Amino acid sequence: MFGSQNRIKRILSTLSATASILLLATLAGCGSTGLSIQESEDANRDWHTLYLRGVFTWWEAEESFRFKKVSTNLYVAKANLVADGQPYDFKIADKDWSPGLSCGYLEKENDETLSLGVTSKANCDTPVNNFKFTPDSTGEYLFYFKPQGNRPPLVYIEKTPAS
């Protein structure tokens, strides 16, 4: 008799613990914002602290190469580049190369080498994966960075029109 009472107590205890877990999970779901984990992480990223960093800046975070917001989720930085046939290595990162704010290419084959006006995908959690760009003429270039919520940010380059 005592053995079956102990077993019933264990079953009731297990059911009580399970019910508590289900209740907590339900209550946690009620407070959800509807954002995915990636979207909420993106919302917390401080994109306006990014700099264009590369061989042309000695990899430093220089104020003249800071990205500026030009519209919703679109940032731009400028760089004067010399067309000498050599690729420029660069990344997009904050001053401290912080995780989540250190952006290089996502896939080597598709995203490492940029061409004018063609978007590449970025991985902002990489200490490596430098982008490469070889300008076809000397001049000022605009480097665009576009966060996309739960998708990888996009990077593309345009040449400023000659004045």
Protein backbone atom coordinates (compact mmCIF):
# COMPACT_ATOMS: atom_id res chain seq x y z
CA MET A 1 0.00 0.00 0.00
CA PHE A 2 2.79 2.43 0.93
CA GLY A 3 4.66 1.58 -2.29
CA SER A 4 1.72 2.56 -4.49
CA GLN A 5 1.19 5.80 -2.52
CA ASN A 6 4.83 6.76 -3.09
CA ARG A 7 4.50 6.00 -6.78
CA ILE A 8 1.34 8.13 -7.01
CA LYS A 9 3.17 11.00 -5.22
CA ARG A 10 6.05 10.77 -7.74
CA ILE A 11 3.63 10.79 -10.67
CA LEU A 12 1.75 13.79 -9.25
CA SER A 13 5.05 15.59 -8.62
CA THR A 14 6.16 14.95 -12.22
CA LEU A 15 2.79 16.14 -13.56
CA SER A 16 3.00 19.26 -11.41
CA ALA A 17 6.51 20.06 -12.71
CA THR A 18 5.40 19.48 -16.31
CA ALA A 19 2.36 21.72 -15.85
CA SER A 20 4.59 24.46 -14.39
CA ILE A 21 6.94 24.28 -17.37
CA LEU A 22 4.03 24.44 -19.83
CA LEU A 23 2.53 27.41 -17.98
CA LEU A 24 5.85 29.30 -18.03
CA ALA A 25 6.31 28.58 -21.74
CA THR A 26 2.80 29.83 -22.47
CA LEU A 27 3.32 33.01 -20.46
CA ALA A 28 6.66 33.66 -22.14
CA GLY A 29 4.97 33.32 -25.53
CA CYS A 30 2.38 35.94 -24.57
CA GLY A 31 5.12 38.51 -24.14
CA SER A 32 6.66 37.81 -27.55
CA THR A 33 7.24 40.74 -29.90
CA GLY A 34 6.73 38.60 -32.97
CA LEU A 35 10.34 39.21 -34.04
CA SER A 36 12.64 36.33 -34.80
CA ILE A 37 15.80 36.01 -32.72
CA GLN A 38 17.86 37.33 -35.65
CA GLU A 39 15.52 40.32 -36.16
CA SER A 40 15.68 41.28 -32.51
CA GLU A 41 19.48 40.91 -32.60
CA ASP A 42 19.57 43.16 -35.69
CA ALA A 43 17.37 45.72 -33.95
CA ASN A 44 19.93 45.83 -31.14
CA ARG A 45 22.92 46.25 -33.47
CA ASP A 46 24.29 49.75 -33.65
CA TRP A 47 24.76 49.96 -37.43
CA HIS A 48 25.59 53.69 -37.39
CA THR A 49 28.87 52.91 -35.59
CA LEU A 50 30.31 51.15 -38.64
CA TYR A 51 33.36 52.23 -40.61
CA LEU A 52 34.75 51.30 -43.99
CA ARG A 53 38.07 49.72 -42.98
CA GLY A 54 40.70 48.42 -45.33
CA VAL A 55 44.11 48.80 -46.87
CA PHE A 56 43.23 52.42 -47.78
CA THR A 57 42.69 53.27 -44.07
CA TRP A 58 45.47 51.04 -42.71
CA TRP A 59 42.52 49.08 -41.24
CA GLU A 60 41.80 51.92 -38.80
CA ALA A 61 38.35 53.31 -37.97
CA GLU A 62 38.75 56.82 -39.42
CA GLU A 63 35.91 59.31 -39.06
CA SER A 64 36.05 60.23 -42.76
CA PHE A 65 35.22 56.58 -43.56
CA ARG A 66 32.30 56.27 -41.14
CA PHE A 67 29.04 55.00 -42.63
CA LYS A 68 26.22 57.53 -42.72
CA LYS A 69 22.55 56.64 -42.82
CA VAL A 70 20.98 57.77 -46.10
CA SER A 71 17.56 56.12 -45.74
CA THR A 72 15.83 53.39 -43.78
CA ASN A 73 18.33 50.55 -43.43
CA LEU A 74 20.80 52.00 -45.94
CA TYR A 75 24.22 53.37 -45.03
CA VAL A 76 26.99 54.78 -47.23
CA ALA A 77 30.69 55.56 -46.89
CA LYS A 78 33.02 57.15 -49.47
CA ALA A 79 36.57 56.32 -50.51
CA ASN A 80 38.91 57.68 -53.15
CA LEU A 81 40.55 54.75 -54.89
CA VAL A 82 43.38 54.50 -57.40
CA ALA A 83 42.92 52.13 -60.31
CA ASP A 84 46.28 50.36 -60.36
CA GLY A 85 44.95 46.89 -61.20
CA GLN A 86 45.29 45.65 -57.63
CA PRO A 87 42.28 44.69 -55.49
CA TYR A 88 41.51 46.65 -52.35
CA ASP A 89 40.77 44.45 -49.32
CA PHE A 90 38.19 45.90 -46.94
CA LYS A 91 35.67 45.12 -44.22
CA ILE A 92 32.85 46.98 -42.57
CA ALA A 93 33.27 47.12 -38.80
CA ASP A 94 32.94 49.25 -35.69
CA LYS A 95 35.93 50.71 -33.85
CA ASP A 96 36.47 47.60 -31.72
CA TRP A 97 35.87 44.87 -34.32
CA SER A 98 32.95 43.79 -32.10
CA PRO A 99 31.21 40.45 -32.73
CA GLY A 100 28.06 41.15 -34.74
CA LEU A 101 29.62 44.38 -36.09
CA SER A 102 32.58 43.00 -38.02
CA CYS A 103 31.30 42.37 -41.53
CA GLY A 104 33.09 40.50 -44.30
CA TYR A 105 31.82 38.36 -47.14
CA LEU A 106 29.29 35.58 -46.46
CA GLU A 107 30.31 33.05 -49.16
CA LYS A 108 33.75 33.17 -50.76
CA GLU A 109 32.60 32.12 -54.23
CA ASN A 110 29.61 34.48 -54.47
CA ASP A 111 30.38 37.43 -52.20
CA GLU A 112 34.13 37.98 -51.74
CA THR A 113 34.87 39.98 -54.91
CA LEU A 114 32.59 42.94 -55.56
CA SER A 115 31.76 44.50 -58.92
CA LEU A 116 30.13 47.87 -59.40
CA GLY A 117 26.39 47.82 -58.71
CA VAL A 118 26.29 44.11 -57.86
CA THR A 119 25.22 43.17 -54.34
CA SER A 120 27.15 40.78 -52.14
CA LYS A 121 26.00 39.28 -48.87
CA ALA A 122 27.82 40.05 -45.64
CA ASN A 123 28.56 38.02 -42.55
CA CYS A 124 28.82 40.39 -39.58
CA ASP A 125 30.16 37.78 -37.17
CA THR A 126 33.50 37.12 -38.85
CA PRO A 127 36.95 38.32 -37.85
CA VAL A 128 38.18 37.40 -41.35
CA ASN A 129 36.54 37.17 -44.82
CA ASN A 130 37.72 40.47 -46.33
CA PHE A 131 35.82 41.80 -49.32
CA LYS A 132 37.84 42.61 -52.44
CA PHE A 133 37.24 45.33 -55.01
CA THR A 134 39.37 46.35 -58.00
CA PRO A 135 38.32 49.76 -59.38
CA ASP A 136 38.39 50.14 -63.15
CA SER A 137 39.17 53.86 -62.93
CA THR A 138 40.61 56.23 -60.34
CA GLY A 139 37.99 58.23 -58.45
CA GLU A 140 35.52 58.39 -55.60
CA TYR A 141 33.47 55.30 -54.81
CA LEU A 142 30.38 54.89 -52.63
CA PHE A 143 30.26 51.78 -50.46
CA TYR A 144 26.71 50.84 -49.44
CA PHE A 145 25.69 48.68 -46.50
CA LYS A 146 22.08 47.50 -46.17
CA PRO A 147 20.96 45.51 -43.09
CA GLN A 148 17.98 43.24 -43.84
CA GLY A 149 16.56 42.03 -40.56
CA ASN A 150 16.70 38.24 -40.50
CA ARG A 151 18.65 37.97 -43.77
CA PRO A 152 22.36 38.76 -44.31
CA PRO A 153 23.16 42.43 -44.89
CA LEU A 154 23.94 43.48 -48.44
CA VAL A 155 27.03 45.36 -49.63
CA TYR A 156 27.47 47.07 -53.00
CA ILE A 157 29.67 49.73 -54.56
CA GLU A 158 28.92 52.53 -57.02
CA LYS A 159 31.25 55.09 -58.58
CA THR A 160 30.30 58.71 -58.05
CA PRO A 161 29.57 60.52 -61.32
CA ALA A 162 32.45 62.62 -62.66
CA SER A 163 31.90 66.31 -62.00
